Amino acid sequence: MWTRAELKQNAKGVLSKNYWTAFLVCLVYGILSGGMGGGASSANTTVTRQITSASGNIDPEVVTAIVSMMLVIMGIAMITGLALSFFVSGPMNVGKNRYFMESRAAGSSFGRLFYGFKVNYMGNAGSMFVTNLFIGLWTLLLIIPGIIKQLEWSQVPYLLAENPNLTGARARQISSAITEGEKWEIFVLQLSFIGWNLLGN
């Protein structure tokens, strides 16, 4: 039976050997997999502020044009986000986990971050995308089912990093078995890092 204290102590031991490489891996992963989508949101916020701060005598055609432009920007942002999620985020998540899994026993290189692109790229991309899509659909039902599914399938990227030949369906099946009876402990473990996550944002 694992404990949070034991996991964190082991992690500290591993990080003490290659802290700056691990830091660089996380930094690049964060930038490339999630840090490129803020431009459209910023543009929408700016346009919205201009509309709300203007006087009440606005030409309806101008409003229509602005709303149409916002919808186009939002559509482009959504398509870009989906493409980024499929082609970049999923494989990079697999590569990041491959790096840290190798670091447990021996040193690993920064290049392992791109492992998900080099080995079974489309398989990694598709498996991660479908898994995240299913989690999103479960979240649409209610927040709690989405959280449960996220915890249940939390091991999928690790399983793909360890065995790239796994299909997404098989990885989700194994992850469900691994996390059976452990979801609460995993949730509390993730919750224990909320302070670091807030600082990181």
N, C-alpha and C. Protein backbone atom coordinates (compact mmCIF):
# COMPACT_ATOMS: atom_id res chain seq x y z
N MET A 1 0.84 -1.19 0.00
CA MET A 1 0.00 0.00 0.00
C MET A 1 0.88 1.25 0.00
N TRP A 2 0.67 2.12 -0.94
CA TRP A 2 1.47 3.33 -1.04
C TRP A 2 0.90 4.43 -0.15
N THR A 3 1.76 5.35 0.22
CA THR A 3 1.33 6.51 1.00
C THR A 3 1.81 7.77 0.31
N ARG A 4 1.12 8.88 0.55
CA ARG A 4 1.51 10.15 -0.06
C ARG A 4 2.90 10.58 0.40
N ALA A 5 3.18 10.39 1.67
CA ALA A 5 4.48 10.78 2.22
C ALA A 5 5.61 10.01 1.53
N GLU A 6 5.37 8.72 1.32
CA GLU A 6 6.39 7.89 0.66
C GLU A 6 6.62 8.32 -0.78
N LEU A 7 5.54 8.59 -1.50
CA LEU A 7 5.66 9.03 -2.88
C LEU A 7 6.43 10.35 -2.98
N LYS A 8 6.08 11.28 -2.12
CA LYS A 8 6.74 12.60 -2.16
C LYS A 8 8.21 12.49 -1.77
N GLN A 9 8.51 11.62 -0.82
CA GLN A 9 9.90 11.44 -0.41
C GLN A 9 10.72 10.84 -1.56
N ASN A 10 10.13 9.85 -2.25
CA ASN A 10 10.81 9.25 -3.40
C ASN A 10 11.02 10.27 -4.52
N ALA A 11 9.99 11.10 -4.73
CA ALA A 11 10.08 12.12 -5.77
C ALA A 11 11.19 13.13 -5.46
N LYS A 12 11.31 13.51 -4.20
CA LYS A 12 12.37 14.44 -3.81
C LYS A 12 13.74 13.84 -4.08
N GLY A 13 13.87 12.54 -3.80
CA GLY A 13 15.14 11.88 -4.05
C GLY A 13 15.51 11.88 -5.51
N VAL A 14 14.53 11.63 -6.37
CA VAL A 14 14.78 11.62 -7.82
C VAL A 14 15.10 13.03 -8.31
N LEU A 15 14.30 14.01 -7.86
CA LEU A 15 14.51 15.38 -8.32
C LEU A 15 15.84 15.97 -7.86
N SER A 16 16.32 15.51 -6.73
CA SER A 16 17.60 16.05 -6.23
C SER A 16 18.75 15.73 -7.17
N LYS A 17 18.58 14.71 -8.02
CA LYS A 17 19.64 14.31 -8.93
C LYS A 17 19.60 15.06 -10.26
N ASN A 18 18.40 15.48 -10.67
CA ASN A 18 18.28 16.13 -11.99
C ASN A 18 17.20 17.20 -11.97
N TYR A 19 17.28 18.08 -10.97
CA TYR A 19 16.24 19.08 -10.77
C TYR A 19 16.04 19.98 -11.97
N TRP A 20 17.13 20.53 -12.51
CA TRP A 20 17.00 21.54 -13.56
C TRP A 20 16.52 20.93 -14.88
N THR A 21 16.90 19.70 -15.15
CA THR A 21 16.39 19.04 -16.36
C THR A 21 14.89 18.79 -16.21
N ALA A 22 14.49 18.33 -15.02
CA ALA A 22 13.07 18.09 -14.76
C ALA A 22 12.27 19.39 -14.85
N PHE A 23 12.85 20.47 -14.33
CA PHE A 23 12.22 21.77 -14.39
C PHE A 23 12.03 22.20 -15.85
N LEU A 24 13.06 22.01 -16.66
CA LEU A 24 13.01 22.39 -18.08
C LEU A 24 11.97 21.55 -18.83
N VAL A 25 11.89 20.27 -18.51
CA VAL A 25 10.90 19.39 -19.13
C VAL A 25 9.49 19.90 -18.84
N CYS A 26 9.22 20.21 -17.58
CA CYS A 26 7.89 20.70 -17.19
C CYS A 26 7.59 22.07 -17.81
N LEU A 27 8.61 22.92 -17.87
CA LEU A 27 8.42 24.26 -18.43
C LEU A 27 8.08 24.18 -19.91
N VAL A 28 8.85 23.42 -20.67
CA VAL A 28 8.61 23.30 -22.11
C VAL A 28 7.28 22.60 -22.37
N TYR A 29 6.99 21.58 -21.58
CA TYR A 29 5.70 20.89 -21.73
C TYR A 29 4.54 21.85 -21.49
N GLY A 30 4.64 22.65 -20.44
CA GLY A 30 3.58 23.60 -20.13
C GLY A 30 3.38 24.64 -21.22
N ILE A 31 4.49 25.13 -21.78
CA ILE A 31 4.41 26.15 -22.83
C ILE A 31 3.83 25.57 -24.12
N LEU A 32 4.36 24.42 -24.55
CA LEU A 32 3.96 23.86 -25.84
C LEU A 32 2.58 23.20 -25.82
N SER A 33 2.18 22.66 -24.68
CA SER A 33 0.91 21.93 -24.65
C SER A 33 -0.26 22.78 -24.18
N GLY A 34 0.00 23.91 -23.53
CA GLY A 34 -1.14 24.68 -23.05
C GLY A 34 -0.97 26.17 -23.04
N GLY A 35 0.22 26.65 -23.34
CA GLY A 35 0.48 28.07 -23.21
C GLY A 35 0.29 28.88 -24.46
N MET A 36 -0.30 28.28 -25.53
CA MET A 36 -0.43 29.01 -26.77
C MET A 36 -1.85 29.48 -27.04
N GLY A 37 -2.77 29.20 -26.12
CA GLY A 37 -4.16 29.49 -26.42
C GLY A 37 -4.69 30.77 -25.83
N GLY A 38 -3.82 31.61 -25.26
CA GLY A 38 -4.32 32.81 -24.59
C GLY A 38 -4.57 33.99 -25.49
N GLY A 39 -4.07 33.96 -26.73
CA GLY A 39 -4.19 35.12 -27.61
C GLY A 39 -5.62 35.45 -27.97
N ALA A 40 -6.39 34.45 -28.36
CA ALA A 40 -7.78 34.67 -28.76
C ALA A 40 -8.61 35.14 -27.58
N SER A 41 -8.36 34.54 -26.41
CA SER A 41 -9.09 34.94 -25.22
C SER A 41 -8.82 36.40 -24.88
N SER A 42 -7.55 36.80 -24.99
CA SER A 42 -7.19 38.18 -24.73
C SER A 42 -7.86 39.13 -25.71
N ALA A 43 -7.90 38.73 -26.97
CA ALA A 43 -8.53 39.56 -27.99
C ALA A 43 -10.02 39.71 -27.72
N ASN A 44 -10.67 38.62 -27.36
CA ASN A 44 -12.10 38.67 -27.05
C ASN A 44 -12.37 39.57 -25.86
N THR A 45 -11.51 39.49 -24.84
CA THR A 45 -11.68 40.33 -23.66
C THR A 45 -11.55 41.80 -24.02
N THR A 46 -10.57 42.12 -24.87
CA THR A 46 -10.35 43.51 -25.28
C THR A 46 -11.55 44.05 -26.04
N VAL A 47 -12.06 43.27 -27.00
CA VAL A 47 -13.22 43.70 -27.78
C VAL A 47 -14.43 43.88 -26.88
N THR A 48 -14.63 42.94 -25.94
CA THR A 48 -15.77 43.03 -25.02
C THR A 48 -15.70 44.29 -24.18
N ARG A 49 -14.52 44.63 -23.70
CA ARG A 49 -14.36 45.85 -22.90
C ARG A 49 -14.68 47.09 -23.72
N GLN A 50 -14.27 47.08 -24.99
CA GLN A 50 -14.54 48.24 -25.85
C GLN A 50 -16.05 48.41 -26.06
N ILE A 51 -16.75 47.28 -26.21
CA ILE A 51 -18.20 47.36 -26.41
C ILE A 51 -18.90 47.89 -25.16
N THR A 52 -18.51 47.32 -24.00
CA THR A 52 -19.20 47.69 -22.77
C THR A 52 -18.86 49.11 -22.30
N SER A 53 -17.69 49.61 -22.71
CA SER A 53 -17.31 50.95 -22.26
C SER A 53 -17.79 52.04 -23.22
N ALA A 54 -18.30 51.64 -24.40
CA ALA A 54 -18.76 52.64 -25.36
C ALA A 54 -20.12 53.21 -24.93
N SER A 55 -20.48 54.31 -25.58
CA SER A 55 -21.77 54.93 -25.26
C SER A 55 -22.90 54.09 -25.79
N GLY A 56 -24.11 54.40 -25.39
CA GLY A 56 -25.27 53.63 -25.79
C GLY A 56 -25.64 53.80 -27.24
N ASN A 57 -25.14 54.83 -27.93
CA ASN A 57 -25.50 55.08 -29.33
C ASN A 57 -24.52 54.37 -30.26
N ILE A 58 -24.68 53.04 -30.37
CA ILE A 58 -23.80 52.25 -31.22
C ILE A 58 -24.58 51.82 -32.45
N ASP A 59 -23.95 51.95 -33.58
CA ASP A 59 -24.55 51.52 -34.84
C ASP A 59 -24.77 50.00 -34.80
N PRO A 60 -26.00 49.52 -35.04
CA PRO A 60 -26.27 48.07 -35.01
C PRO A 60 -25.38 47.28 -35.96
N GLU A 61 -25.02 47.89 -37.09
CA GLU A 61 -24.15 47.19 -38.03
C GLU A 61 -22.76 46.98 -37.44
N VAL A 62 -22.30 47.96 -36.65
CA VAL A 62 -21.00 47.84 -36.00
C VAL A 62 -21.04 46.71 -34.97
N VAL A 63 -22.14 46.67 -34.19
CA VAL A 63 -22.29 45.62 -33.18
C VAL A 63 -22.30 44.25 -33.86
N THR A 64 -23.06 44.14 -34.95
CA THR A 64 -23.13 42.87 -35.68
C THR A 64 -21.77 42.45 -36.19
N ALA A 65 -21.02 43.42 -36.72
CA ALA A 65 -19.68 43.12 -37.24
C ALA A 65 -18.75 42.66 -36.12
N ILE A 66 -18.84 43.35 -34.97
CA ILE A 66 -17.98 42.99 -33.84
C ILE A 66 -18.33 41.61 -33.30
N VAL A 67 -19.63 41.34 -33.16
CA VAL A 67 -20.06 40.02 -32.67
C VAL A 67 -19.64 38.93 -33.64
N SER A 68 -19.79 39.18 -34.93
CA SER A 68 -19.38 38.20 -35.95
C SER A 68 -17.88 37.94 -35.85
N MET A 69 -17.10 39.02 -35.67
CA MET A 69 -15.66 38.87 -35.56
C MET A 69 -15.30 38.04 -34.32
N MET A 70 -16.00 38.30 -33.22
CA MET A 70 -15.73 37.55 -31.99
C MET A 70 -16.05 36.07 -32.17
N LEU A 71 -17.15 35.78 -32.86
CA LEU A 71 -17.52 34.38 -33.10
C LEU A 71 -16.49 33.67 -33.97
N VAL A 72 -15.98 34.40 -34.99
CA VAL A 72 -14.94 33.82 -35.84
C VAL A 72 -13.68 33.54 -35.03
N ILE A 73 -13.29 34.51 -34.20
CA ILE A 73 -12.09 34.34 -33.37
C ILE A 73 -12.27 33.17 -32.42
N MET A 74 -13.46 33.07 -31.81
CA MET A 74 -13.73 31.97 -30.89
C MET A 74 -13.70 30.63 -31.63
N GLY A 75 -14.24 30.60 -32.86
CA GLY A 75 -14.22 29.37 -33.65
C GLY A 75 -12.80 28.94 -33.99
N ILE A 76 -11.99 29.93 -34.40
CA ILE A 76 -10.59 29.63 -34.73
C ILE A 76 -9.85 29.15 -33.48
N ALA A 77 -10.12 29.80 -32.35
CA ALA A 77 -9.47 29.40 -31.10
C ALA A 77 -9.85 27.98 -30.71
N MET A 78 -11.13 27.63 -30.92
CA MET A 78 -11.59 26.29 -30.57
C MET A 78 -10.94 25.23 -31.45
N ILE A 79 -10.89 25.51 -32.76
CA ILE A 79 -10.27 24.57 -33.69
C ILE A 79 -8.78 24.43 -33.39
N THR A 80 -8.14 25.57 -33.12
CA THR A 80 -6.71 25.55 -32.79
C THR A 80 -6.47 24.75 -31.51
N GLY A 81 -7.34 24.97 -30.51
CA GLY A 81 -7.21 24.24 -29.25
C GLY A 81 -7.36 22.74 -29.43
N LEU A 82 -8.34 22.34 -30.25
CA LEU A 82 -8.54 20.91 -30.51
C LEU A 82 -7.35 20.31 -31.24
N ALA A 83 -6.85 21.05 -32.23
CA ALA A 83 -5.69 20.57 -32.99
C ALA A 83 -4.46 20.46 -32.08
N LEU A 84 -4.26 21.47 -31.24
CA LEU A 84 -3.14 21.47 -30.31
C LEU A 84 -3.25 20.30 -29.35
N SER A 85 -4.49 20.06 -28.85
CA SER A 85 -4.72 18.95 -27.93
C SER A 85 -4.39 17.61 -28.58
N PHE A 86 -4.82 17.44 -29.84
CA PHE A 86 -4.61 16.16 -30.52
C PHE A 86 -3.16 15.96 -30.92
N PHE A 87 -2.59 16.93 -31.64
CA PHE A 87 -1.29 16.75 -32.26
C PHE A 87 -0.11 17.02 -31.33
N VAL A 88 -0.31 17.81 -30.26
CA VAL A 88 0.82 18.21 -29.41
C VAL A 88 0.67 17.76 -27.96
N SER A 89 -0.43 18.16 -27.32
CA SER A 89 -0.57 17.96 -25.87
C SER A 89 -0.50 16.50 -25.46
N GLY A 90 -1.27 15.64 -26.16
CA GLY A 90 -1.31 14.23 -25.79
C GLY A 90 0.05 13.55 -25.89
N PRO A 91 0.69 13.61 -27.07
CA PRO A 91 2.02 12.99 -27.19
C PRO A 91 3.05 13.58 -26.23
N MET A 92 2.97 14.89 -25.96
CA MET A 92 3.92 15.49 -25.03
C MET A 92 3.68 15.02 -23.61
N ASN A 93 2.42 14.78 -23.25
CA ASN A 93 2.11 14.26 -21.93
C ASN A 93 2.72 12.87 -21.76
N VAL A 94 2.60 12.06 -22.81
CA VAL A 94 3.21 10.73 -22.79
C VAL A 94 4.73 10.85 -22.65
N GLY A 95 5.34 11.75 -23.42
CA GLY A 95 6.78 11.94 -23.35
C GLY A 95 7.25 12.44 -21.99
N LYS A 96 6.49 13.37 -21.41
CA LYS A 96 6.84 13.88 -20.08
C LYS A 96 6.84 12.75 -19.06
N ASN A 97 5.82 11.91 -19.13
CA ASN A 97 5.75 10.80 -18.19
C ASN A 97 6.84 9.77 -18.44
N ARG A 98 7.21 9.59 -19.70
CA ARG A 98 8.32 8.68 -20.02
C ARG A 98 9.61 9.19 -19.39
N TYR A 99 9.83 10.50 -19.48
CA TYR A 99 11.03 11.09 -18.87
C TYR A 99 11.08 10.80 -17.38
N PHE A 100 9.97 11.08 -16.68
CA PHE A 100 9.97 10.90 -15.22
C PHE A 100 10.00 9.44 -14.81
N MET A 101 9.41 8.56 -15.61
CA MET A 101 9.46 7.14 -15.29
C MET A 101 10.88 6.61 -15.41
N GLU A 102 11.60 7.06 -16.43
CA GLU A 102 12.99 6.64 -16.60
C GLU A 102 13.89 7.23 -15.52
N SER A 103 13.53 8.41 -15.03
CA SER A 103 14.35 9.10 -14.03
C SER A 103 14.32 8.40 -12.68
N ARG A 104 13.32 7.55 -12.46
CA ARG A 104 13.23 6.88 -11.17
C ARG A 104 14.42 5.96 -10.92
N ALA A 105 14.82 5.22 -11.96
CA ALA A 105 15.88 4.23 -11.79
C ALA A 105 17.24 4.74 -12.25
N ALA A 106 17.23 5.56 -13.28
CA ALA A 106 18.50 6.08 -13.81
C ALA A 106 18.23 7.44 -14.43
N GLY A 107 19.29 8.09 -14.85
CA GLY A 107 19.14 9.40 -15.46
C GLY A 107 18.41 9.31 -16.80
N SER A 108 17.68 10.35 -17.12
CA SER A 108 17.00 10.44 -18.40
C SER A 108 17.36 11.76 -19.04
N SER A 109 17.14 11.86 -20.34
CA SER A 109 17.53 13.07 -21.05
C SER A 109 16.32 13.94 -21.37
N PHE A 110 16.57 15.22 -21.60
CA PHE A 110 15.50 16.16 -21.93
C PHE A 110 14.74 15.71 -23.19
N GLY A 111 15.45 15.08 -24.11
CA GLY A 111 14.85 14.64 -25.36
C GLY A 111 13.72 13.65 -25.19
N ARG A 112 13.65 12.99 -24.04
CA ARG A 112 12.57 12.03 -23.81
C ARG A 112 11.21 12.71 -23.74
N LEU A 113 11.20 14.02 -23.55
CA LEU A 113 9.94 14.76 -23.57
C LEU A 113 9.21 14.55 -24.90
N PHE A 114 9.97 14.30 -25.96
CA PHE A 114 9.39 14.14 -27.30
C PHE A 114 9.24 12.67 -27.70
N TYR A 115 9.31 11.79 -26.71
CA TYR A 115 9.16 10.36 -26.94
C TYR A 115 7.83 10.03 -27.60
N GLY A 116 6.76 10.71 -27.17
CA GLY A 116 5.42 10.44 -27.71
C GLY A 116 5.28 10.78 -29.18
N PHE A 117 6.20 11.61 -29.70
CA PHE A 117 6.19 11.95 -31.12
C PHE A 117 6.99 10.92 -31.94
N LYS A 118 7.97 10.30 -31.29
CA LYS A 118 8.89 9.42 -32.02
C LYS A 118 8.40 7.97 -32.07
N VAL A 119 7.66 7.56 -31.06
CA VAL A 119 7.20 6.17 -30.96
C VAL A 119 5.68 6.14 -30.99
N ASN A 120 5.11 5.56 -32.03
CA ASN A 120 3.65 5.41 -32.17
C ASN A 120 2.93 6.74 -31.98
N TYR A 121 3.37 7.75 -32.72
CA TYR A 121 2.84 9.11 -32.55
C TYR A 121 1.32 9.18 -32.67
N MET A 122 0.76 8.66 -33.77
CA MET A 122 -0.68 8.76 -33.96
C MET A 122 -1.45 7.95 -32.93
N GLY A 123 -0.87 6.83 -32.51
CA GLY A 123 -1.51 6.04 -31.46
C GLY A 123 -1.58 6.81 -30.15
N ASN A 124 -0.47 7.45 -29.76
CA ASN A 124 -0.44 8.27 -28.54
C ASN A 124 -1.40 9.45 -28.65
N ALA A 125 -1.35 10.12 -29.81
CA ALA A 125 -2.21 11.29 -30.00
C ALA A 125 -3.68 10.91 -29.92
N GLY A 126 -4.05 9.84 -30.63
CA GLY A 126 -5.45 9.42 -30.64
C GLY A 126 -5.92 8.91 -29.29
N SER A 127 -5.10 8.12 -28.62
CA SER A 127 -5.47 7.56 -27.32
C SER A 127 -5.69 8.65 -26.28
N MET A 128 -4.78 9.62 -26.24
CA MET A 128 -4.90 10.70 -25.26
C MET A 128 -6.08 11.61 -25.60
N PHE A 129 -6.28 11.89 -26.89
CA PHE A 129 -7.37 12.77 -27.28
C PHE A 129 -8.72 12.15 -26.94
N VAL A 130 -8.91 10.88 -27.27
CA VAL A 130 -10.18 10.21 -26.99
C VAL A 130 -10.40 10.09 -25.49
N THR A 131 -9.34 9.80 -24.74
CA THR A 131 -9.48 9.72 -23.27
C THR A 131 -9.93 11.05 -22.70
N ASN A 132 -9.28 12.14 -23.12
CA ASN A 132 -9.66 13.47 -22.63
C ASN A 132 -11.05 13.87 -23.10
N LEU A 133 -11.42 13.43 -24.31
CA LEU A 133 -12.76 13.71 -24.83
C LEU A 133 -13.81 13.01 -23.98
N PHE A 134 -13.58 11.74 -23.65
CA PHE A 134 -14.51 11.00 -22.81
C PHE A 134 -14.65 11.65 -21.43
N ILE A 135 -13.51 12.07 -20.87
CA ILE A 135 -13.55 12.74 -19.56
C ILE A 135 -14.36 14.02 -19.65
N GLY A 136 -14.17 14.77 -20.75
CA GLY A 136 -14.94 16.00 -20.95
C GLY A 136 -16.42 15.73 -21.07
N LEU A 137 -16.79 14.67 -21.78
CA LEU A 137 -18.21 14.32 -21.93
C LEU A 137 -18.81 13.89 -20.60
N TRP A 138 -18.05 13.13 -19.82
CA TRP A 138 -18.53 12.76 -18.49
C TRP A 138 -18.71 14.00 -17.61
N THR A 139 -17.82 14.97 -17.77
CA THR A 139 -17.90 16.20 -16.98
C THR A 139 -19.15 17.00 -17.35
N LEU A 140 -19.58 16.90 -18.62
CA LEU A 140 -20.78 17.60 -19.05
C LEU A 140 -22.03 17.08 -18.33
N LEU A 141 -22.00 15.79 -17.95
CA LEU A 141 -23.15 15.23 -17.22
C LEU A 141 -23.29 15.92 -15.87
N LEU A 142 -22.22 15.91 -15.14
CA LEU A 142 -22.10 16.60 -13.85
C LEU A 142 -20.60 16.64 -13.54
N ILE A 143 -20.20 17.53 -12.67
CA ILE A 143 -18.78 17.67 -12.35
C ILE A 143 -18.23 16.39 -11.73
N ILE A 144 -18.96 15.80 -10.81
CA ILE A 144 -18.46 14.64 -10.06
C ILE A 144 -18.12 13.46 -10.96
N PRO A 145 -19.03 13.05 -11.90
CA PRO A 145 -18.64 11.95 -12.79
C PRO A 145 -17.38 12.24 -13.59
N GLY A 146 -17.18 13.49 -14.00
CA GLY A 146 -15.98 13.86 -14.73
C GLY A 146 -14.73 13.70 -13.88
N ILE A 147 -14.82 14.11 -12.61
CA ILE A 147 -13.68 13.96 -11.69
C ILE A 147 -13.37 12.48 -11.49
N ILE A 148 -14.41 11.67 -11.31
CA ILE A 148 -14.21 10.23 -11.10
C ILE A 148 -13.52 9.60 -12.31
N LYS A 149 -13.97 9.96 -13.52
CA LYS A 149 -13.36 9.41 -14.72
C LYS A 149 -11.93 9.90 -14.89
N GLN A 150 -11.68 11.15 -14.53
CA GLN A 150 -10.31 11.68 -14.61
C GLN A 150 -9.38 10.88 -13.69
N LEU A 151 -9.86 10.56 -12.50
CA LEU A 151 -9.07 9.77 -11.56
C LEU A 151 -8.92 8.33 -12.05
N GLU A 152 -10.01 7.79 -12.58
CA GLU A 152 -10.00 6.40 -13.05
C GLU A 152 -9.02 6.20 -14.20
N TRP A 153 -8.93 7.19 -15.08
CA TRP A 153 -8.06 7.07 -16.25
C TRP A 153 -6.78 7.89 -16.11
N SER A 154 -6.43 8.25 -14.90
CA SER A 154 -5.25 9.08 -14.65
C SER A 154 -3.94 8.37 -15.02
N GLN A 155 -3.98 7.04 -15.09
CA GLN A 155 -2.76 6.29 -15.39
C GLN A 155 -2.54 6.04 -16.88
N VAL A 156 -3.49 6.47 -17.71
CA VAL A 156 -3.39 6.22 -19.16
C VAL A 156 -2.09 6.76 -19.75
N PRO A 157 -1.72 8.03 -19.51
CA PRO A 157 -0.46 8.51 -20.12
C PRO A 157 0.77 7.77 -19.62
N TYR A 158 0.74 7.29 -18.37
CA TYR A 158 1.87 6.52 -17.84
C TYR A 158 1.94 5.15 -18.52
N LEU A 159 0.77 4.53 -18.73
CA LEU A 159 0.72 3.23 -19.39
C LEU A 159 1.20 3.33 -20.84
N LEU A 160 0.79 4.39 -21.52
CA LEU A 160 1.25 4.60 -22.90
C LEU A 160 2.74 4.89 -22.94
N ALA A 161 3.24 5.60 -21.94
CA ALA A 161 4.68 5.90 -21.89
C ALA A 161 5.49 4.63 -21.66
N GLU A 162 4.92 3.71 -20.91
CA GLU A 162 5.62 2.46 -20.61
C GLU A 162 5.47 1.44 -21.74
N ASN A 163 4.30 1.44 -22.38
CA ASN A 163 4.05 0.49 -23.46
C ASN A 163 3.30 1.19 -24.59
N PRO A 164 4.03 1.78 -25.53
CA PRO A 164 3.40 2.59 -26.59
C PRO A 164 2.51 1.78 -27.53
N ASN A 165 2.59 0.46 -27.47
CA ASN A 165 1.78 -0.37 -28.36
C ASN A 165 0.36 -0.59 -27.83
N LEU A 166 0.10 -0.14 -26.61
CA LEU A 166 -1.25 -0.27 -26.06
C LEU A 166 -2.23 0.60 -26.85
N THR A 167 -3.43 0.08 -27.05
CA THR A 167 -4.48 0.92 -27.62
C THR A 167 -5.06 1.78 -26.51
N GLY A 168 -5.74 2.84 -26.90
CA GLY A 168 -6.36 3.71 -25.90
C GLY A 168 -7.37 2.97 -25.06
N ALA A 169 -8.19 2.12 -25.71
CA ALA A 169 -9.21 1.36 -24.99
C ALA A 169 -8.57 0.44 -23.95
N ARG A 170 -7.49 -0.24 -24.34
CA ARG A 170 -6.82 -1.14 -23.41
C ARG A 170 -6.15 -0.38 -22.28
N ALA A 171 -5.56 0.77 -22.60
CA ALA A 171 -4.93 1.59 -21.56
C ALA A 171 -5.96 2.07 -20.55
N ARG A 172 -7.14 2.47 -21.03
CA ARG A 172 -8.20 2.90 -20.11
C ARG A 172 -8.69 1.74 -19.26
N GLN A 173 -8.76 0.56 -19.86
CA GLN A 173 -9.19 -0.62 -19.12
C GLN A 173 -8.21 -0.95 -18.00
N ILE A 174 -6.92 -0.94 -18.31
CA ILE A 174 -5.89 -1.24 -17.30
C ILE A 174 -5.88 -0.16 -16.22
N SER A 175 -6.00 1.11 -16.64
CA SER A 175 -6.02 2.21 -15.68
C SER A 175 -7.20 2.08 -14.72
N SER A 176 -8.34 1.67 -15.24
CA SER A 176 -9.53 1.47 -14.39
C SER A 176 -9.25 0.40 -13.34
N ALA A 177 -8.55 -0.67 -13.76
CA ALA A 177 -8.23 -1.75 -12.82
C ALA A 177 -7.22 -1.29 -11.78
N ILE A 178 -6.21 -0.54 -12.23
CA ILE A 178 -5.16 -0.06 -11.32
C ILE A 178 -5.73 0.86 -10.25
N THR A 179 -6.65 1.73 -10.65
CA THR A 179 -7.16 2.75 -9.73
C THR A 179 -8.38 2.28 -8.93
N GLU A 180 -8.80 1.05 -9.14
CA GLU A 180 -9.93 0.52 -8.38
C GLU A 180 -9.61 0.54 -6.89
N GLY A 181 -10.45 1.24 -6.13
CA GLY A 181 -10.22 1.36 -4.68
C GLY A 181 -9.17 2.37 -4.28
N GLU A 182 -8.56 3.04 -5.26
CA GLU A 182 -7.48 3.99 -4.98
C GLU A 182 -7.85 5.42 -5.36
N LYS A 183 -9.03 5.62 -5.90
CA LYS A 183 -9.39 6.95 -6.44
C LYS A 183 -9.35 8.03 -5.38
N TRP A 184 -9.83 7.74 -4.19
CA TRP A 184 -9.83 8.75 -3.13
C TRP A 184 -8.40 9.15 -2.76
N GLU A 185 -7.52 8.17 -2.65
CA GLU A 185 -6.12 8.47 -2.32
C GLU A 185 -5.47 9.30 -3.41
N ILE A 186 -5.77 8.98 -4.67
CA ILE A 186 -5.21 9.75 -5.79
C ILE A 186 -5.75 11.18 -5.77
N PHE A 187 -7.04 11.31 -5.46
CA PHE A 187 -7.66 12.64 -5.38
C PHE A 187 -7.01 13.49 -4.29
N VAL A 188 -6.80 12.89 -3.13
CA VAL A 188 -6.17 13.62 -2.02
C VAL A 188 -4.72 13.97 -2.37
N LEU A 189 -4.04 13.06 -3.06
CA LEU A 189 -2.66 13.34 -3.50
C LEU A 189 -2.63 14.54 -4.42
N GLN A 190 -3.53 14.56 -5.40
CA GLN A 190 -3.59 15.70 -6.33
C GLN A 190 -3.96 16.98 -5.59
N LEU A 191 -4.86 16.85 -4.62
CA LEU A 191 -5.30 18.02 -3.86
C LEU A 191 -4.16 18.59 -3.02
N SER A 192 -3.24 17.74 -2.59
CA SER A 192 -2.13 18.20 -1.75
C SER A 192 -1.18 19.11 -2.51
N PHE A 193 -1.30 19.14 -3.85
CA PHE A 193 -0.43 20.00 -4.66
C PHE A 193 -1.14 21.27 -5.12
N ILE A 194 -2.31 21.54 -4.56
CA ILE A 194 -3.10 22.68 -5.05
C ILE A 194 -2.37 24.00 -4.85
N GLY A 195 -1.62 24.11 -3.77
CA GLY A 195 -0.85 25.34 -3.52
C GLY A 195 0.19 25.57 -4.60
N TRP A 196 0.91 24.50 -4.97
CA TRP A 196 1.92 24.62 -6.03
C TRP A 196 1.26 24.95 -7.37
N ASN A 197 0.11 24.33 -7.62
CA ASN A 197 -0.60 24.60 -8.88
C ASN A 197 -1.04 26.07 -8.97
N LEU A 198 -1.50 26.60 -7.85
CA LEU A 198 -1.92 28.01 -7.84
C LEU A 198 -0.74 28.93 -8.07
N LEU A 199 0.40 28.58 -7.44
CA LEU A 199 1.61 29.39 -7.65
C LEU A 199 2.08 29.31 -9.10
N GLY A 200 1.92 28.12 -9.71
CA GLY A 200 2.34 27.94 -11.08
C GLY A 200 1.49 28.70 -12.07
N ASN A 201 0.24 29.00 -11.68
CA ASN A 201 -0.65 29.76 -12.57
C ASN A 201 -0.53 31.25 -12.33
